[in-house]
Structure formats: C-alpha cells, structure tokens
Amino acid sequence: MFTILFEDQYLIAIDKPPGLPTQPTVDKSRPSALSLLEKQLPNVKIYLHHRLDRDTSGVLIFSKSSAANKPLTEMFKNHAFEKTYLMWTKKSAQPPETKTWTIDNYLAPVKKGSRIERMVVVRSGGWHALTNFEWLEESSFGYLIKARPKTGRTHQIRVHTALSKRPILGDFLYGGKSSEVPRMMLHAASLEFHHPITGELLKIESPWPKDFRRSLL
C-alpha cells in the first residue's frame, strides 16, 4: 500500500519508494507504481502524466478523473509545476565555488531500439534543458544538493549534476557509481502547482527517505 500524500476527487499523489518503475515494463509480471496503485484503487481509473526513474523516490502524481486528465497533461507540457529534488552527490576535488548555479543546454537521447539508454549534450537540435541548483551542506558522505528543473527532460537532473562534476551517488550511468549506497540517491521532494480544476495553490511534499537521513551522519 502506498502512502497517499494528497487525494481529492480529481488527483492522487503517492510517495513512490525507490526501486519501483513508474509504469509497466516489458516484463509484465514486474510491479510498477501504476499497476500497484490500480490494485490499491480498483474502482478508479488512473491516468499517468509524468515519470520518476526506477531508483528515484518521492512525489508522483496521477489524475483520477477525465475532467482533470487533459488540463493536467497541458500543465506538464507547459512546465506549470515547481519541482524540487534533493540528492546526495559525489564530492568533487573542490567544494562548489558558489552556493547556486544553473545548467542551461540541449539534450538528445541515445537509443537502443525504442528505449532511451542515456542522454547526451548536443550543440544543435535536441531538447532545451534548464536546471537551477543550490548547494545545501556537506557530510563525510557527499554533498547534499537541491535541484529545481525548469524543463522536464529524460535524465535531466542526472546529466546536469554530472556536468557540474558532482554526479549523483549511485548513478552508474552518469559517473556516480558507488558501493556506499543502495541506490541512486535522488528524491522528488515536492511539487507545487495550481490545481487544474479548482485553481487552489498546492504544495505536495514527500518526507526524506531513511537512506537520505542516514547519509547525514
């Protein structure tokens, strides 16, 4: 059973645990956040609008009404959400020179068949990707960094932290491979937006996972 972070007649937001894909994979026997939520709410039609990587924990929102389905789709398309992520990254040779910085570039997918294997920076074409970062603190473990992506590209935060020379711990794909962590240390901490039907300003937050808190020690 998922922890429900927000629910009304139109929307439902869950606290997705790490290690669970957002949607069904090629292996139909493998559970996903969508399939498990459908079992948890068997009499409700659930609509998927965005994704978190398998190892990413935190806020994942769905619509549960056809009235909210189209406007929520448009909101994600138009980047109408203020997204906040937290991550533990590898330490670089030097701590960050400034507490805040921005990565603004273009990304393109490298595919294997129809599946995106990774994203790469391109000089022309590609998809615009913009992320604002804030350095929060340092522990013996690594750097705790906040990210606010302004676009929603595949692997955007993962690529941009790697470009900052501080790849996310546990992210073997972009240089963060580590035996010290059980998974990629990326957490979708909050979503802030205006409700697509009522217009109410909402901020849905996910508490820190246990593995994030342990990393402060």
Protein backbone atom coordinates (compact mmCIF):
# COMPACT_ATOMS: atom_id res chain seq x y z
CA MET A 1 0.00 0.00 0.00
CA PHE A 2 1.33 3.41 -0.97
CA THR A 3 1.47 6.36 1.38
CA ILE A 4 -1.00 8.90 -0.03
CA LEU A 5 0.41 12.43 0.07
CA PHE A 6 -2.67 14.12 -1.42
CA GLU A 7 -6.03 12.98 -2.74
CA ASP A 8 -9.31 14.52 -3.85
CA GLN A 9 -11.88 13.53 -6.47
CA TYR A 10 -9.55 14.64 -9.29
CA LEU A 11 -5.96 13.89 -8.26
CA ILE A 12 -3.91 11.49 -6.21
CA ALA A 13 -0.24 11.84 -5.25
CA ILE A 14 1.74 8.97 -3.76
CA ASP A 15 5.10 8.62 -2.07
CA LYS A 16 6.94 6.38 -4.53
CA PRO A 17 9.59 4.16 -2.96
CA PRO A 18 12.94 3.61 -4.72
CA GLY A 19 13.41 0.52 -6.85
CA LEU A 20 9.94 0.63 -8.42
CA PRO A 21 9.36 1.62 -12.06
CA THR A 22 6.64 4.21 -12.64
CA GLN A 23 4.85 2.24 -15.35
CA PRO A 24 4.77 -1.38 -16.55
CA THR A 25 7.93 -2.62 -18.26
CA VAL A 26 8.50 -5.28 -20.90
CA ASP A 27 8.35 -7.81 -18.08
CA LYS A 28 4.60 -7.79 -17.45
CA SER A 29 5.00 -9.71 -14.19
CA ARG A 30 7.05 -6.92 -12.69
CA PRO A 31 5.04 -4.49 -10.50
CA SER A 32 5.05 -0.77 -11.16
CA ALA A 33 3.72 2.29 -9.33
CA LEU A 34 0.85 2.50 -11.80
CA SER A 35 -0.13 -1.17 -11.61
CA LEU A 36 0.07 -1.26 -7.81
CA LEU A 37 -1.97 1.93 -7.47
CA GLU A 38 -4.61 0.47 -9.78
CA LYS A 39 -4.82 -2.54 -7.44
CA GLN A 40 -5.00 -0.25 -4.42
CA LEU A 41 -7.88 1.69 -6.05
CA PRO A 42 -9.64 -0.99 -8.13
CA ASN A 43 -12.73 1.10 -8.88
CA VAL A 44 -10.85 4.22 -10.03
CA LYS A 45 -9.46 4.99 -13.49
CA ILE A 46 -5.86 6.18 -13.01
CA TYR A 47 -4.15 8.41 -15.60
CA LEU A 48 -0.35 8.65 -15.75
CA HIS A 49 1.18 12.07 -16.55
CA HIS A 50 4.85 12.00 -15.56
CA ARG A 51 7.53 9.55 -14.52
CA LEU A 52 10.23 9.11 -11.96
CA ASP A 53 13.22 6.88 -12.69
CA ARG A 54 13.08 3.46 -11.04
CA ASP A 55 15.51 4.37 -8.25
CA THR A 56 14.11 7.88 -7.67
CA SER A 57 11.84 8.19 -4.64
CA GLY A 58 9.24 10.81 -3.79
CA VAL A 59 6.18 12.64 -5.08
CA LEU A 60 4.40 11.00 -8.03
CA ILE A 61 1.04 12.44 -9.09
CA PHE A 62 -1.78 10.92 -11.15
CA SER A 63 -5.20 12.14 -12.21
CA LYS A 64 -8.24 10.02 -11.35
CA SER A 65 -10.87 11.90 -13.34
CA SER A 66 -11.30 12.52 -17.06
CA ALA A 67 -12.11 16.15 -16.16
CA ALA A 68 -8.59 16.60 -14.77
CA ASN A 69 -6.79 14.43 -17.31
CA LYS A 70 -6.47 16.92 -20.17
CA PRO A 71 -5.65 20.04 -18.09
CA LEU A 72 -3.05 18.14 -16.07
CA THR A 73 -1.46 16.92 -19.31
CA GLU A 74 -1.27 20.51 -20.53
CA MET A 75 0.25 21.64 -17.24
CA PHE A 76 3.09 19.14 -17.53
CA LYS A 77 3.55 20.07 -21.20
CA ASN A 78 3.80 23.76 -20.28
CA HIS A 79 6.06 23.20 -17.22
CA ALA A 80 3.45 24.63 -14.84
CA PHE A 81 4.92 22.79 -11.84
CA GLU A 82 7.60 23.95 -9.42
CA LYS A 83 9.56 20.75 -8.87
CA THR A 84 12.12 20.35 -6.10
CA TYR A 85 14.54 17.43 -5.91
CA LEU A 86 17.14 16.56 -3.30
CA MET A 87 20.21 14.45 -3.99
CA TRP A 88 23.45 13.26 -2.50
CA THR A 89 26.29 13.68 -4.94
CA LYS A 90 29.91 12.67 -5.06
CA LYS A 91 32.40 15.14 -3.67
CA SER A 92 34.49 16.93 -6.22
CA ALA A 93 38.12 17.93 -5.69
CA GLN A 94 36.90 21.38 -4.68
CA PRO A 95 33.62 22.29 -2.97
CA PRO A 96 31.21 24.38 -5.05
CA GLU A 97 32.55 27.87 -5.74
CA THR A 98 29.05 29.33 -5.36
CA LYS A 99 26.00 28.12 -3.43
CA THR A 100 23.78 28.37 -6.51
CA TRP A 101 24.33 27.71 -10.18
CA THR A 102 22.40 26.93 -13.37
CA ILE A 103 22.91 24.45 -16.19
CA ASP A 104 21.22 25.51 -19.42
CA ASN A 105 21.80 23.42 -22.55
CA TYR A 106 20.27 20.97 -25.03
CA LEU A 107 19.99 17.22 -24.61
CA ALA A 108 19.35 14.43 -27.09
CA PRO A 109 18.63 10.74 -26.50
CA VAL A 110 20.88 7.81 -27.34
CA LYS A 111 18.51 4.94 -28.08
CA LYS A 112 18.69 1.19 -28.21
CA GLY A 113 15.73 0.22 -30.31
CA SER A 114 12.84 2.30 -28.98
CA ARG A 115 14.34 2.59 -25.49
CA ILE A 116 16.34 5.62 -24.35
CA GLU A 117 19.65 4.38 -22.91
CA ARG A 118 21.10 7.75 -21.91
CA MET A 119 21.03 11.45 -22.74
CA VAL A 120 23.90 13.46 -24.18
CA VAL A 121 24.61 17.16 -24.60
CA VAL A 122 24.28 18.45 -28.16
CA ARG A 123 25.23 21.76 -29.76
CA SER A 124 22.27 21.89 -32.15
CA GLY A 125 18.86 20.28 -32.18
CA GLY A 126 17.86 18.28 -29.13
CA TRP A 127 15.60 19.40 -26.30
CA HIS A 128 16.14 22.50 -24.20
CA ALA A 129 17.03 21.59 -20.59
CA LEU A 130 17.37 24.08 -17.71
CA THR A 131 18.06 23.26 -14.05
CA ASN A 132 18.75 25.56 -11.09
CA PHE A 133 20.92 24.08 -8.31
CA GLU A 134 21.60 25.01 -4.69
CA TRP A 135 24.36 23.53 -2.54
CA LEU A 136 22.91 22.80 0.93
CA GLU A 137 25.54 21.04 3.02
CA GLU A 138 28.43 18.62 3.14
CA SER A 139 28.87 15.43 5.14
CA SER A 140 31.51 12.72 5.17
CA PHE A 141 29.21 11.02 2.69
CA GLY A 142 28.96 13.66 -0.02
CA TYR A 143 27.24 16.91 -0.97
CA LEU A 144 23.53 17.48 -0.36
CA ILE A 145 22.18 19.47 -3.29
CA LYS A 146 18.76 20.84 -4.19
CA ALA A 147 17.63 20.96 -7.83
CA ARG A 148 14.73 22.85 -9.37
CA PRO A 149 14.33 21.74 -13.00
CA LYS A 150 12.51 24.23 -15.23
CA THR A 151 12.09 21.72 -18.03
CA GLY A 152 11.26 18.03 -17.78
CA ARG A 153 13.67 16.12 -19.98
CA THR A 154 14.58 12.47 -19.51
CA HIS A 155 17.54 12.12 -17.08
CA GLN A 156 17.86 15.93 -17.00
CA ILE A 157 18.96 16.31 -13.38
CA ARG A 158 21.27 13.31 -13.63
CA VAL A 159 23.07 14.73 -16.68
CA HIS A 160 23.25 18.24 -15.24
CA THR A 161 24.73 17.15 -11.91
CA ALA A 162 27.34 15.14 -13.80
CA LEU A 163 28.17 18.25 -15.85
CA SER A 164 28.62 20.09 -12.54
CA LYS A 165 31.34 17.49 -11.73
CA ARG A 166 29.19 16.16 -8.90
CA PRO A 167 27.33 13.08 -10.23
CA ILE A 168 24.54 11.65 -8.09
CA LEU A 169 25.77 8.90 -5.80
CA GLY A 170 24.66 5.52 -7.08
CA ASP A 171 24.07 6.75 -10.64
CA PHE A 172 26.28 4.31 -12.53
CA LEU A 173 25.11 5.66 -15.90
CA TYR A 174 26.47 9.18 -15.38
CA GLY A 175 29.56 8.65 -13.27
CA GLY A 176 28.17 8.25 -9.77
CA LYS A 177 28.87 4.55 -9.26
CA SER A 178 29.42 3.85 -5.56
CA SER A 179 29.42 0.82 -3.28
CA GLU A 180 28.44 3.05 -0.33
CA VAL A 181 24.80 3.49 -1.33
CA PRO A 182 21.94 1.07 -2.04
CA ARG A 183 20.51 3.03 -4.97
CA MET A 184 20.71 6.28 -6.93
CA MET A 185 20.34 8.97 -4.25
CA LEU A 186 17.73 11.19 -5.92
CA HIS A 187 14.48 12.19 -4.21
CA ALA A 188 11.49 14.10 -5.64
CA ALA A 189 10.87 16.22 -2.55
CA SER A 190 7.94 18.38 -3.64
CA LEU A 191 5.56 19.50 -6.39
CA GLU A 192 3.98 22.96 -6.22
CA PHE A 193 1.21 23.92 -8.66
CA HIS A 194 -2.28 25.30 -9.09
CA HIS A 195 -4.97 22.63 -9.00
CA PRO A 196 -6.14 22.03 -12.61
CA ILE A 197 -9.83 22.23 -11.61
CA THR A 198 -10.13 24.40 -8.51
CA GLY A 199 -7.14 26.68 -9.10
CA GLU A 200 -6.01 26.21 -5.49
CA LEU A 201 -2.26 26.52 -4.94
CA LEU A 202 -0.96 23.16 -3.71
CA LYS A 203 2.42 22.07 -2.45
CA ILE A 204 2.74 18.31 -2.09
CA GLU A 205 5.79 17.17 -0.15
CA SER A 206 7.45 13.82 0.45
CA PRO A 207 9.43 13.24 3.66
CA TRP A 208 13.07 12.29 3.46
CA PRO A 209 13.61 8.57 2.88
CA LYS A 210 15.52 6.69 5.58
CA ASP A 211 18.58 6.24 3.38
CA PHE A 212 18.81 10.03 2.91
CA ARG A 213 18.66 10.71 6.65
CA ARG A 214 21.34 8.11 7.36
CA SER A 215 23.62 9.89 4.93
CA LEU A 216 23.75 12.95 7.18
CA LEU A 217 25.60 11.05 9.89
